[in-house]
Amino acid sequence: MANIKKMNFFGFFTLTAAMLMSADEYPAFAQSGLLSVLYLVLAGVIWFLPVALCSAELATIDGNDEGGVFSWVKNILGSRWGFVAVFFQWLQITVNFITMIYFIIGALSYILHWDALNTNPTLKWGAFLIIYWGMTLWQLGGVNKTEKLVDVSFSLGIVFPSVVLLVLGVLYFFGSGKVAFDVNLHDNVRDLSNNFSLDTIVPYILAFTGIEASASYIADLDKPKRNYPLAMITLVVFAIVLDSLGGLSVAAVVPVNGLTLNQGVIQAVGIMFDKTLPVLHAGVYVIGILMAFGMIGEISSWIIGPVKSLFVTAEDGILPRYCLQVNKDKVPVRMIMIQGLVVTIISGLLTVVFKGSNDAYQMAMSLTVMLYLVTYLLIFISYLVQVNARDKKDRAFRVPGGRIGQYLIAGIGLITSMAVFYSTFIPNKHIKGISTGTYTVIMVIFFVVIFGATLMIYEFGHRSPSVGGYNWRLKHRKSNHVQKSIFPQGRYEHEIELVEETFDKDEQEVKNIFSSKKKNNDENR
């Protein structure tokens, strides 16, 4: 196979640039007004950059180049924790679907003038299930049919509405000079000192998740020691600027007490059209339709992709064999159905029991961050363990600053992750309908059940491994195959290739591959 041409700085930047378009998170930023800028800077500097740099070094260590998070953690902490890391990386997607579909429902409710769709819990959950399961059933035919859809939906439904919001925000500000949030620096400093709590930063951490997906392709980057840190710093600067403008644009026209998290963007666009370009007021309905279309495109790409990341654990025989069936369209049908069951149960609790309100939306964000942070905690712990190891394997990239820089950057990332993880068990000041005690108990129960179930799956799989004989094999994706219009959280690092049953030689080869890897893993434990 011909070698892939090394990517330059700009090429690698575009590989991760999709994460800059997070319009669905703007309303959450808007709740903090001018302070959202500070929170974005904090999240970018003390969390995003450490994750990006430590992930890049882990990804380039000999033996880690094709397994993703599972390999990074497994090769240092053992297969149990490698499985926990990749399993929680997948689990966060199941909760993230909820906020994404709430966003779609909010847009549809607004443009159809159908308030009950967004406020009636039973109706809202029914709409949720129709959207989610409709997209799931469509995806059972494979991802090829949606690749063009995702490219179009990303441009028209995510990038274009975000640009419209930002342009209208600038026009509104220079036209009226009035904003609905407090711009007095003294008042903001006082509010920060009196009301700041760690849980406030949860949405800002969520905005930066997924960067570890790009670290897997650092081997394809030209001059990684120079270009990778530069790309990440550039990315975080752009993210801070765009997310700040987006959040402030919403906050400028929608007061906090009237802000609906899953409708905040469309609320802001509607008000801005009225104030700046009233002749184009009907444009808000076009934007609403496009936003719903954009998020549907993203969901379609997320349904199958993250599940494939779990399949790398098959070489250790951890996942039950029942889950590893792949159909003729390379879709892991049974795992997709299990994923759908998890999404259905959690969405039912948040939408029907907790009314699908702002409180439910905040809880969904906190649950997503809680689950994802388990993966990041294991990444940082693995990184620090390998830094301290005597046997230093070769790697193409090292965190800048020598040994001091490695400990400092990873230490900051680990401490930040631990603090934010703790904060997800405490309701922030914007959650009004759930008491602190009730909220904490719910979150603790959720985490204990999920973590316990994950360890049980590992124990059963580890003790009774079923390795090889599958009708598929995994192939690590190259950077030129990555679809850049998919947010990093929803990407996958492995392609599934079918092995025809008639080719006994190929099937036996797959068995041998898995068996040898399993033998090596057992010897290394």
Protein backbone atom coordinates (compact mmCIF):
# COMPACT_ATOMS: atom_id res chain seq x y z
CA MET A 1 0.00 0.00 0.00
CA ALA A 2 1.33 3.43 -0.91
CA ASN A 3 2.36 5.69 1.89
CA ILE A 4 -0.01 8.51 2.71
CA LYS A 5 1.37 11.96 2.10
CA LYS A 6 2.05 13.73 5.37
CA MET A 7 -0.49 16.38 6.34
CA ASN A 8 0.66 19.93 6.79
CA PHE A 9 -0.47 22.17 9.64
CA PHE A 10 -3.62 23.37 7.86
CA GLY A 11 -4.65 19.88 6.81
CA PHE A 12 -4.44 18.59 10.35
CA PHE A 13 -6.26 21.64 11.68
CA THR A 14 -9.20 20.96 9.36
CA LEU A 15 -9.27 17.38 10.64
CA THR A 16 -10.38 18.69 14.03
CA ALA A 17 -12.07 21.96 13.07
CA ALA A 18 -15.61 20.49 13.15
CA MET A 19 -15.56 20.74 16.94
CA LEU A 20 -15.62 24.54 16.59
CA MET A 21 -19.23 24.38 15.41
CA SER A 22 -21.11 23.74 18.67
CA ALA A 23 -24.20 25.95 18.26
CA ASP A 24 -26.34 23.58 20.35
CA GLU A 25 -24.15 24.46 23.36
CA TYR A 26 -24.42 28.24 22.94
CA PRO A 27 -27.52 28.56 25.20
CA ALA A 28 -25.67 26.79 28.03
CA PHE A 29 -22.82 29.30 27.62
CA ALA A 30 -25.33 32.17 27.50
CA GLN A 31 -26.45 31.40 31.05
CA SER A 32 -23.13 32.77 32.35
CA GLY A 33 -23.19 35.95 30.28
CA LEU A 34 -19.83 37.71 30.04
CA LEU A 35 -18.26 35.18 32.40
CA SER A 36 -18.66 32.51 29.71
CA VAL A 37 -15.53 33.92 28.05
CA LEU A 38 -13.50 33.31 31.21
CA TYR A 39 -14.90 29.78 31.60
CA LEU A 40 -14.02 28.93 28.00
CA VAL A 41 -10.47 30.17 28.49
CA LEU A 42 -10.15 28.11 31.68
CA ALA A 43 -11.55 24.96 30.07
CA GLY A 44 -9.31 25.41 27.03
CA VAL A 45 -6.07 26.02 28.92
CA ILE A 46 -6.33 23.74 31.97
CA TRP A 47 -8.21 20.86 30.36
CA PHE A 48 -8.34 20.81 26.55
CA LEU A 49 -4.62 21.38 25.92
CA PRO A 50 -3.48 18.78 28.50
CA VAL A 51 -5.87 16.21 26.98
CA ALA A 52 -4.67 16.96 23.46
CA LEU A 53 -0.96 16.82 24.29
CA CYS A 54 -1.04 13.74 26.54
CA SER A 55 -3.27 11.85 24.09
CA ALA A 56 -0.88 12.65 21.27
CA GLU A 57 2.10 11.21 23.13
CA LEU A 58 0.17 8.09 24.14
CA ALA A 59 -1.01 7.57 20.55
CA THR A 60 2.54 7.61 19.16
CA ILE A 61 4.09 5.15 21.62
CA ASP A 62 5.17 1.93 19.89
CA GLY A 63 2.29 -0.55 20.04
CA ASN A 64 -0.42 2.08 20.53
CA ASP A 65 -0.80 3.21 16.95
CA GLU A 66 -3.89 1.19 15.97
CA GLY A 67 -5.97 0.48 19.07
CA GLY A 68 -7.16 3.92 20.12
CA VAL A 69 -8.01 4.62 23.76
CA PHE A 70 -8.35 0.90 24.50
CA SER A 71 -4.73 0.22 23.54
CA TRP A 72 -3.37 3.34 25.21
CA VAL A 73 -4.79 2.39 28.58
CA LYS A 74 -4.56 -1.41 28.26
CA ASN A 75 -0.86 -1.42 27.43
CA ILE A 76 -0.10 0.55 30.60
CA LEU A 77 -2.81 -0.26 33.17
CA GLY A 78 -4.05 -3.61 31.88
CA SER A 79 -6.99 -4.83 29.81
CA ARG A 80 -9.60 -4.25 32.55
CA TRP A 81 -9.00 -0.51 32.63
CA GLY A 82 -8.52 -0.37 28.87
CA PHE A 83 -12.00 -1.84 28.52
CA VAL A 84 -13.44 0.62 31.06
CA ALA A 85 -11.89 3.51 29.14
CA VAL A 86 -13.31 2.56 25.75
CA PHE A 87 -16.65 1.41 27.20
CA PHE A 88 -17.24 4.76 28.90
CA GLN A 89 -16.10 6.55 25.74
CA TRP A 90 -18.97 4.78 24.00
CA LEU A 91 -21.45 5.22 26.87
CA GLN A 92 -21.18 9.01 26.82
CA ILE A 93 -22.56 8.94 23.29
CA THR A 94 -25.77 7.27 24.51
CA VAL A 95 -26.47 10.24 26.78
CA ASN A 96 -25.19 12.84 24.34
CA PHE A 97 -27.89 11.72 21.91
CA ILE A 98 -30.45 13.10 24.34
CA THR A 99 -29.27 16.72 24.23
CA MET A 100 -28.84 16.51 20.46
CA ILE A 101 -32.39 15.25 19.89
CA TYR A 102 -33.78 17.73 22.43
CA PHE A 103 -32.19 20.40 20.22
CA ILE A 104 -34.05 19.03 17.18
CA ILE A 105 -37.34 18.89 19.06
CA GLY A 106 -36.85 22.45 20.28
CA ALA A 107 -36.27 23.73 16.74
CA LEU A 108 -39.29 21.86 15.37
CA SER A 109 -41.50 23.06 18.22
CA TYR A 110 -40.52 26.66 17.51
CA ILE A 111 -41.01 26.65 13.75
CA LEU A 112 -44.29 24.68 13.97
CA HIS A 113 -45.66 26.88 16.78
CA TRP A 114 -46.32 23.67 18.67
CA ASP A 115 -45.31 24.41 22.26
CA ALA A 116 -46.62 21.08 23.56
CA LEU A 117 -44.00 19.25 21.52
CA ASN A 118 -41.35 20.78 23.76
CA THR A 119 -43.28 21.07 27.03
CA ASN A 120 -45.47 17.96 27.23
CA PRO A 121 -43.18 15.21 28.58
CA THR A 122 -45.04 12.28 27.02
CA LEU A 123 -45.33 13.94 23.63
CA LYS A 124 -41.70 15.02 23.77
CA TRP A 125 -40.50 11.51 24.57
CA GLY A 126 -42.64 10.12 21.75
CA ALA A 127 -41.02 12.57 19.33
CA PHE A 128 -37.61 11.65 20.75
CA LEU A 129 -38.16 7.94 20.13
CA ILE A 130 -39.46 8.49 16.60
CA ILE A 131 -36.39 10.55 15.69
CA TYR A 132 -33.85 8.27 17.36
CA TRP A 133 -35.25 4.93 16.26
CA GLY A 134 -36.03 6.26 12.80
CA MET A 135 -32.39 7.22 12.35
CA THR A 136 -31.23 3.94 13.91
CA LEU A 137 -33.32 1.74 11.60
CA TRP A 138 -32.12 3.75 8.62
CA GLN A 139 -28.51 3.20 9.67
CA LEU A 140 -28.87 -0.57 9.72
CA GLY A 141 -28.28 -0.41 5.98
CA GLY A 142 -24.73 0.89 6.55
CA VAL A 143 -22.99 4.24 6.83
CA ASN A 144 -22.25 4.72 3.13
CA LYS A 145 -25.71 6.04 2.42
CA THR A 146 -25.30 8.86 4.95
CA GLU A 147 -21.82 10.19 4.15
CA LYS A 148 -23.03 12.70 1.58
CA LEU A 149 -25.99 13.58 3.81
CA VAL A 150 -23.62 14.37 6.69
CA ASP A 151 -21.43 16.61 4.53
CA VAL A 152 -24.45 18.56 3.29
CA SER A 153 -26.18 18.71 6.68
CA PHE A 154 -23.00 19.91 8.35
CA SER A 155 -22.58 22.79 5.90
CA LEU A 156 -26.24 23.82 5.68
CA GLY A 157 -27.50 22.80 9.09
CA ILE A 158 -24.58 23.52 11.43
CA VAL A 159 -22.08 25.91 9.83
CA PHE A 160 -24.58 28.16 8.02
CA PRO A 161 -26.94 28.73 11.00
CA SER A 162 -23.94 29.40 13.26
CA VAL A 163 -22.63 32.01 10.81
CA VAL A 164 -26.10 33.59 10.56
CA LEU A 165 -26.33 33.78 14.36
CA LEU A 166 -22.91 35.41 14.66
CA VAL A 167 -23.59 37.93 11.86
CA LEU A 168 -26.99 38.84 13.32
CA GLY A 169 -25.34 39.21 16.73
CA VAL A 170 -22.85 41.72 15.37
CA LEU A 171 -25.60 43.64 13.51
CA TYR A 172 -27.77 43.69 16.61
CA PHE A 173 -25.00 44.92 18.89
CA PHE A 174 -23.83 47.71 16.61
CA GLY A 175 -27.43 48.61 15.77
CA SER A 176 -28.81 48.82 19.28
CA GLY A 177 -25.82 48.77 21.62
CA LYS A 178 -28.02 46.94 24.13
CA VAL A 179 -27.50 43.48 25.54
CA ALA A 180 -29.51 41.43 28.02
CA PHE A 181 -26.49 40.44 30.11
CA ASP A 182 -24.46 42.49 32.58
CA VAL A 183 -21.37 44.01 30.92
CA ASN A 184 -20.09 45.74 34.05
CA LEU A 185 -16.74 44.17 34.92
CA HIS A 186 -17.06 44.95 38.62
CA ASP A 187 -20.45 43.24 38.81
CA ASN A 188 -19.11 40.21 36.95
CA VAL A 189 -16.10 39.91 39.24
CA ARG A 190 -18.39 40.11 42.26
CA ASP A 191 -20.70 37.48 40.78
CA LEU A 192 -17.70 35.24 40.08
CA SER A 193 -16.41 35.54 43.65
CA ASN A 194 -19.84 35.01 45.22
CA ASN A 195 -21.41 32.38 42.99
CA PHE A 196 -18.69 30.41 41.20
CA SER A 197 -18.78 26.65 41.62
CA LEU A 198 -17.06 23.89 39.67
CA ASP A 199 -20.32 22.57 38.23
CA THR A 200 -20.60 25.83 36.25
CA ILE A 201 -17.78 24.71 33.98
CA VAL A 202 -19.41 21.42 32.91
CA PRO A 203 -20.85 22.73 29.57
CA TYR A 204 -17.47 24.23 28.71
CA ILE A 205 -15.66 20.94 29.23
CA LEU A 206 -18.30 19.25 27.04
CA ALA A 207 -17.52 21.71 24.25
CA PHE A 208 -13.90 20.52 24.14
CA THR A 209 -14.42 16.75 24.36
CA GLY A 210 -13.40 14.41 21.56
CA ILE A 211 -9.95 15.79 20.80
CA GLU A 212 -8.36 12.41 21.59
CA ALA A 213 -9.84 11.20 18.29
CA SER A 214 -7.47 13.46 16.34
CA ALA A 215 -4.45 12.32 18.37
CA SER A 216 -4.72 8.90 16.73
CA TYR A 217 -3.69 10.45 13.41
CA ILE A 218 -0.69 12.42 14.60
CA ALA A 219 1.58 9.91 12.82
CA ASP A 220 0.22 11.31 9.54
CA LEU A 221 1.20 14.87 10.47
CA ASP A 222 4.33 16.48 9.06
CA LYS A 223 6.74 17.68 11.77
CA PRO A 224 4.42 16.69 14.66
CA LYS A 225 6.64 18.10 17.42
CA ARG A 226 6.09 21.58 16.01
CA ASN A 227 2.81 21.35 14.12
CA TYR A 228 0.68 19.42 16.63
CA PRO A 229 1.02 21.83 19.59
CA LEU A 230 0.59 24.74 17.16
CA ALA A 231 -2.56 23.16 15.70
CA MET A 232 -4.04 22.58 19.16
CA ILE A 233 -3.27 26.09 20.37
CA THR A 234 -4.79 27.53 17.20
CA LEU A 235 -7.82 25.30 17.62
CA VAL A 236 -8.42 26.31 21.22
CA VAL A 237 -8.09 30.01 20.35
CA PHE A 238 -10.64 29.67 17.55
CA ALA A 239 -12.94 27.64 19.81
CA ILE A 240 -12.79 30.25 22.57
CA VAL A 241 -13.50 33.09 20.14
CA LEU A 242 -16.36 31.38 18.26
CA ASP A 243 -18.00 29.87 21.34
CA SER A 244 -17.73 33.19 23.18
CA LEU A 245 -19.36 35.05 20.30
CA GLY A 246 -22.05 32.39 19.98
CA GLY A 247 -22.87 32.30 23.67
CA LEU A 248 -22.85 36.09 23.98
CA SER A 249 -25.03 36.44 20.88
CA VAL A 250 -27.71 34.33 22.55
CA ALA A 251 -27.23 36.06 25.92
CA ALA A 252 -27.49 39.48 24.26
CA VAL A 253 -31.16 39.07 23.33
CA VAL A 254 -32.56 36.24 25.47
CA PRO A 255 -32.67 36.97 29.23
CA VAL A 256 -31.58 34.04 31.41
CA ASN A 257 -35.01 33.70 33.00
CA GLY A 258 -36.58 33.27 29.56
CA LEU A 259 -33.90 31.02 28.08
CA THR A 260 -34.79 27.49 27.02
CA LEU A 261 -31.63 25.43 26.56
CA ASN A 262 -32.80 23.40 23.59
CA GLN A 263 -34.42 26.42 21.90
CA GLY A 264 -32.04 29.20 22.87
CA VAL A 265 -30.37 29.54 19.46
CA ILE A 266 -33.61 29.70 17.50
CA GLN A 267 -35.04 32.09 20.11
CA ALA A 268 -32.07 34.40 19.61
CA VAL A 269 -32.20 34.22 15.80
CA GLY A 270 -35.91 35.09 15.83
CA ILE A 271 -35.42 38.12 18.08
CA MET A 272 -32.42 39.31 16.09
CA PHE A 273 -34.27 39.10 12.79
CA ASP A 274 -37.05 41.21 14.32
CA LYS A 275 -34.62 43.82 15.64
CA THR A 276 -32.17 44.03 12.72
CA LEU A 277 -33.81 42.70 9.54
CA PRO A 278 -37.57 42.51 10.21
CA VAL A 279 -38.30 42.10 6.50
CA LEU A 280 -36.51 38.76 6.70
CA HIS A 281 -38.30 37.52 9.82
CA ALA A 282 -39.52 34.42 7.97
CA GLY A 283 -35.86 33.46 7.72
CA VAL A 284 -36.05 32.17 11.30
CA TYR A 285 -38.16 29.26 10.09
CA VAL A 286 -35.62 28.41 7.41
CA ILE A 287 -32.84 28.52 10.01
CA GLY A 288 -34.91 26.31 12.32
CA ILE A 289 -35.42 23.69 9.62
CA LEU A 290 -31.74 23.77 8.69
CA MET A 291 -30.66 23.40 12.33
CA ALA A 292 -32.89 20.34 12.76
CA PHE A 293 -31.51 18.93 9.50
CA GLY A 294 -27.93 19.54 10.63
CA MET A 295 -28.39 17.74 13.93
CA ILE A 296 -30.19 14.81 12.25
CA GLY A 297 -27.18 14.43 9.97
CA GLU A 298 -24.82 14.35 12.95
CA ILE A 299 -26.93 11.80 14.80
CA SER A 300 -27.00 9.54 11.77
CA SER A 301 -23.20 9.47 11.75
CA TRP A 302 -22.92 8.84 15.49
CA ILE A 303 -25.21 5.82 15.72
CA ILE A 304 -22.81 3.26 14.26
CA GLY A 305 -19.37 4.90 14.49
CA PRO A 306 -18.70 4.82 18.26
CA VAL A 307 -19.95 1.23 18.51
CA LYS A 308 -17.11 0.17 16.22
CA SER A 309 -14.62 1.45 18.77
CA LEU A 310 -15.81 -1.28 21.14
CA PHE A 311 -15.02 -4.00 18.63
CA VAL A 312 -11.28 -3.59 19.19
CA THR A 313 -11.86 -5.36 22.53
CA ALA A 314 -12.79 -8.51 20.62
CA GLU A 315 -9.11 -9.45 20.40
CA ASP A 316 -9.25 -9.91 24.19
CA GLY A 317 -12.57 -11.77 24.00
CA ILE A 318 -14.20 -9.32 26.42
CA LEU A 319 -17.50 -8.42 24.76
CA PRO A 320 -20.06 -11.26 24.72
CA ARG A 321 -20.02 -13.10 21.42
CA TYR A 322 -23.72 -12.35 21.04
CA CYS A 323 -22.90 -8.65 20.62
CA LEU A 324 -20.36 -9.16 17.84
CA GLN A 325 -22.64 -10.08 14.96
CA VAL A 326 -22.11 -7.94 11.85
CA ASN A 327 -24.60 -7.93 8.97
CA LYS A 328 -23.84 -7.79 5.24
CA ASP A 329 -23.75 -3.97 5.42
CA LYS A 330 -20.98 -4.08 8.07
CA VAL A 331 -23.36 -2.96 10.81
CA PRO A 332 -23.07 -4.47 14.33
CA VAL A 333 -26.84 -4.87 14.60
CA ARG A 334 -27.09 -6.35 18.07
CA MET A 335 -24.83 -3.73 19.64
CA ILE A 336 -26.85 -1.03 17.89
CA MET A 337 -30.02 -2.48 19.42
CA ILE A 338 -28.42 -2.58 22.88
CA GLN A 339 -27.31 1.03 22.40
CA GLY A 340 -30.87 1.94 21.45
CA LEU A 341 -32.23 0.28 24.58
CA VAL A 342 -29.83 2.27 26.77
CA VAL A 343 -30.77 5.52 25.03
CA THR A 344 -34.49 4.73 25.35
CA ILE A 345 -34.29 4.05 29.09
CA ILE A 346 -32.19 7.11 29.98
CA SER A 347 -34.19 9.42 27.71
CA GLY A 348 -37.41 8.14 29.28
CA LEU A 349 -36.17 8.95 32.77
CA LEU A 350 -35.00 12.44 31.80
CA THR A 351 -37.97 13.29 29.60
CA VAL A 352 -40.93 11.73 31.42
CA VAL A 353 -39.76 11.64 35.04
CA PHE A 354 -37.85 14.93 34.93
CA LYS A 355 -40.20 16.53 32.38
CA GLY A 356 -37.59 17.08 29.64
CA SER A 357 -37.08 20.61 30.97
CA ASN A 358 -33.98 22.77 31.37
CA ASP A 359 -33.20 20.68 34.45
CA ALA A 360 -33.28 17.48 32.37
CA TYR A 361 -31.09 19.09 29.72
CA GLN A 362 -28.56 20.15 32.38
CA MET A 363 -28.60 16.63 33.85
CA ALA A 364 -27.98 15.10 30.42
CA MET A 365 -24.96 17.36 29.93
CA SER A 366 -23.62 16.47 33.37
CA LEU A 367 -24.13 12.74 32.76
CA THR A 368 -22.32 13.00 29.43
CA VAL A 369 -19.36 14.79 31.00
CA MET A 370 -19.31 12.39 33.98
CA LEU A 371 -19.08 9.34 31.73
CA TYR A 372 -16.54 10.85 29.36
CA LEU A 373 -14.33 12.02 32.20
CA VAL A 374 -13.84 8.43 33.35
CA THR A 375 -12.09 7.85 30.03
CA TYR A 376 -10.02 11.02 30.40
CA LEU A 377 -9.05 10.20 33.98
CA LEU A 378 -7.72 6.85 32.80
CA ILE A 379 -5.86 8.56 29.95
CA PHE A 380 -4.08 10.92 32.36
CA ILE A 381 -3.32 8.16 34.87
CA SER A 382 -1.92 5.97 32.09
CA TYR A 383 0.17 8.85 30.83
CA LEU A 384 1.69 9.57 34.25
CA VAL A 385 2.41 5.88 34.83
CA GLN A 386 4.28 5.55 31.53
CA VAL A 387 6.22 8.77 32.18
CA ASN A 388 7.46 7.20 35.39
CA ALA A 389 8.21 3.81 33.83
CA ARG A 390 11.79 2.66 33.44
CA ASP A 391 11.20 1.05 30.07
CA LYS A 392 10.75 4.02 27.73
CA LYS A 393 9.28 2.94 24.42
CA ASP A 394 9.90 4.98 21.29
CA ARG A 395 7.34 7.63 20.34
CA ALA A 396 7.02 10.21 17.59
CA PHE A 397 5.76 12.98 19.87
CA ARG A 398 6.50 14.08 23.43
CA VAL A 399 4.76 16.67 25.56
CA PRO A 400 6.94 19.81 25.45
CA GLY A 401 9.03 20.83 28.45
CA GLY A 402 10.86 17.62 29.21
CA ARG A 403 10.01 15.57 32.28
CA ILE A 404 8.86 18.63 34.23
CA GLY A 405 6.55 19.63 31.40
CA GLN A 406 5.13 16.11 31.20
CA TYR A 407 4.32 15.95 34.91
CA LEU A 408 3.01 19.53 35.01
CA ILE A 409 0.70 19.31 32.01
CA ALA A 410 -0.65 15.84 32.85
CA GLY A 411 -1.01 16.81 36.52
CA ILE A 412 -3.06 19.90 35.64
CA GLY A 413 -5.27 17.83 33.33
CA LEU A 414 -5.75 15.09 35.92
CA ILE A 415 -6.61 17.49 38.74
CA THR A 416 -9.02 19.43 36.51
CA SER A 417 -10.70 16.20 35.38
CA MET A 418 -11.08 14.98 38.96
CA ALA A 419 -12.55 18.30 40.08
CA VAL A 420 -15.04 18.51 37.22
CA PHE A 421 -15.95 14.82 37.64
CA TYR A 422 -16.78 15.53 41.29
CA SER A 423 -18.80 18.59 40.27
CA THR A 424 -21.10 16.54 38.02
CA PHE A 425 -22.64 15.07 41.18
CA ILE A 426 -23.71 18.53 42.36
CA PRO A 427 -26.52 20.53 40.68
CA ASN A 428 -25.52 23.93 39.35
CA LYS A 429 -27.42 27.09 40.22
CA HIS A 430 -29.51 26.90 37.06
CA ILE A 431 -31.20 23.64 38.15
CA LYS A 432 -34.28 24.80 40.02
CA GLY A 433 -36.67 21.85 40.13
CA ILE A 434 -34.49 19.22 41.81
CA SER A 435 -33.10 19.44 45.34
CA THR A 436 -29.36 19.06 45.85
CA GLY A 437 -29.75 15.83 47.79
CA THR A 438 -32.07 14.22 45.24
CA TYR A 439 -29.85 15.24 42.35
CA THR A 440 -26.71 13.85 44.00
CA VAL A 441 -28.38 10.55 44.91
CA ILE A 442 -29.62 10.11 41.31
CA MET A 443 -26.20 10.81 39.84
CA VAL A 444 -24.41 8.52 42.32
CA ILE A 445 -26.83 5.66 41.64
CA PHE A 446 -26.45 6.13 37.90
CA PHE A 447 -22.66 6.05 38.09
CA VAL A 448 -22.48 3.09 40.47
CA VAL A 449 -24.85 1.01 38.33
CA ILE A 450 -23.02 1.84 35.10
CA PHE A 451 -19.55 1.31 36.55
CA GLY A 452 -20.58 -1.94 38.21
CA ALA A 453 -22.16 -3.24 35.01
CA THR A 454 -18.99 -2.37 33.06
CA LEU A 455 -16.79 -4.34 35.46
CA MET A 456 -19.20 -7.30 35.37
CA ILE A 457 -19.08 -7.39 31.56
CA TYR A 458 -15.31 -7.42 31.72
CA GLU A 459 -15.15 -10.16 34.35
CA PHE A 460 -17.48 -12.49 32.46
CA GLY A 461 -15.68 -11.85 29.18
CA HIS A 462 -12.23 -12.14 30.69
CA ARG A 463 -12.97 -15.43 32.44
CA SER A 464 -14.69 -17.06 29.48
CA PRO A 465 -13.04 -15.47 26.45
CA SER A 466 -14.42 -16.21 23.01
CA VAL A 467 -11.79 -15.15 20.51
CA GLY A 468 -11.72 -15.45 16.71
CA GLY A 469 -14.04 -17.02 14.19
CA TYR A 470 -15.89 -13.77 13.46
CA ASN A 471 -17.17 -12.89 10.00
CA TRP A 472 -15.24 -9.63 10.09
CA ARG A 473 -11.86 -8.12 10.87
CA LEU A 474 -10.84 -4.62 11.90
CA LYS A 475 -8.80 -2.20 9.85
CA HIS A 476 -7.43 1.01 11.35
CA ARG A 477 -8.66 4.07 9.46
CA LYS A 478 -6.19 6.43 7.87
CA SER A 479 -6.50 10.16 8.22
CA ASN A 480 -7.54 10.60 4.60
CA HIS A 481 -10.59 8.41 5.27
CA VAL A 482 -11.85 10.48 8.20
CA GLN A 483 -15.02 12.39 7.45
CA LYS A 484 -14.18 15.89 8.65
CA SER A 485 -17.81 17.00 8.92
CA ILE A 486 -18.41 14.64 11.84
CA PHE A 487 -17.73 16.00 15.32
CA PRO A 488 -14.69 14.22 16.84
CA GLN A 489 -16.81 12.57 19.57
CA GLY A 490 -18.80 10.69 16.97
CA ARG A 491 -15.91 9.41 14.87
CA TYR A 492 -14.49 5.93 14.89
CA GLU A 493 -10.96 4.67 14.39
CA HIS A 494 -11.63 1.26 12.87
CA GLU A 495 -13.34 0.05 9.74
CA ILE A 496 -15.09 -3.32 9.75
CA GLU A 497 -14.15 -5.55 6.85
CA LEU A 498 -16.24 -8.63 6.16
CA VAL A 499 -14.58 -11.99 5.68
CA GLU A 500 -16.55 -14.14 3.24
CA GLU A 501 -17.54 -17.48 4.75
CA THR A 502 -16.47 -19.29 1.57
CA PHE A 503 -12.89 -18.20 2.04
CA ASP A 504 -11.75 -20.64 4.70
CA LYS A 505 -8.20 -19.38 4.40
CA ASP A 506 -9.19 -15.81 5.22
CA GLU A 507 -11.39 -16.92 8.09
CA GLN A 508 -8.64 -19.06 9.54
CA GLU A 509 -6.25 -16.14 9.17
CA VAL A 510 -8.62 -13.96 11.22
CA LYS A 511 -8.82 -16.66 13.89
CA ASN A 512 -5.06 -16.85 14.03
CA ILE A 513 -4.72 -13.08 14.31
CA PHE A 514 -7.08 -12.88 17.28
CA SER A 515 -5.69 -16.00 18.93
CA SER A 516 -2.11 -14.74 18.74
CA LYS A 517 -3.09 -11.35 20.10
CA LYS A 518 -5.03 -12.99 22.93
CA LYS A 519 -2.01 -15.17 23.76
CA ASN A 520 0.26 -12.12 23.85
CA ASN A 521 -2.20 -10.24 26.05
CA ASP A 522 -2.38 -13.15 28.51
CA GLU A 523 1.42 -13.32 28.66
CA ASN A 524 1.64 -9.60 29.33
CA ARG A 525 -0.85 -9.62 32.22
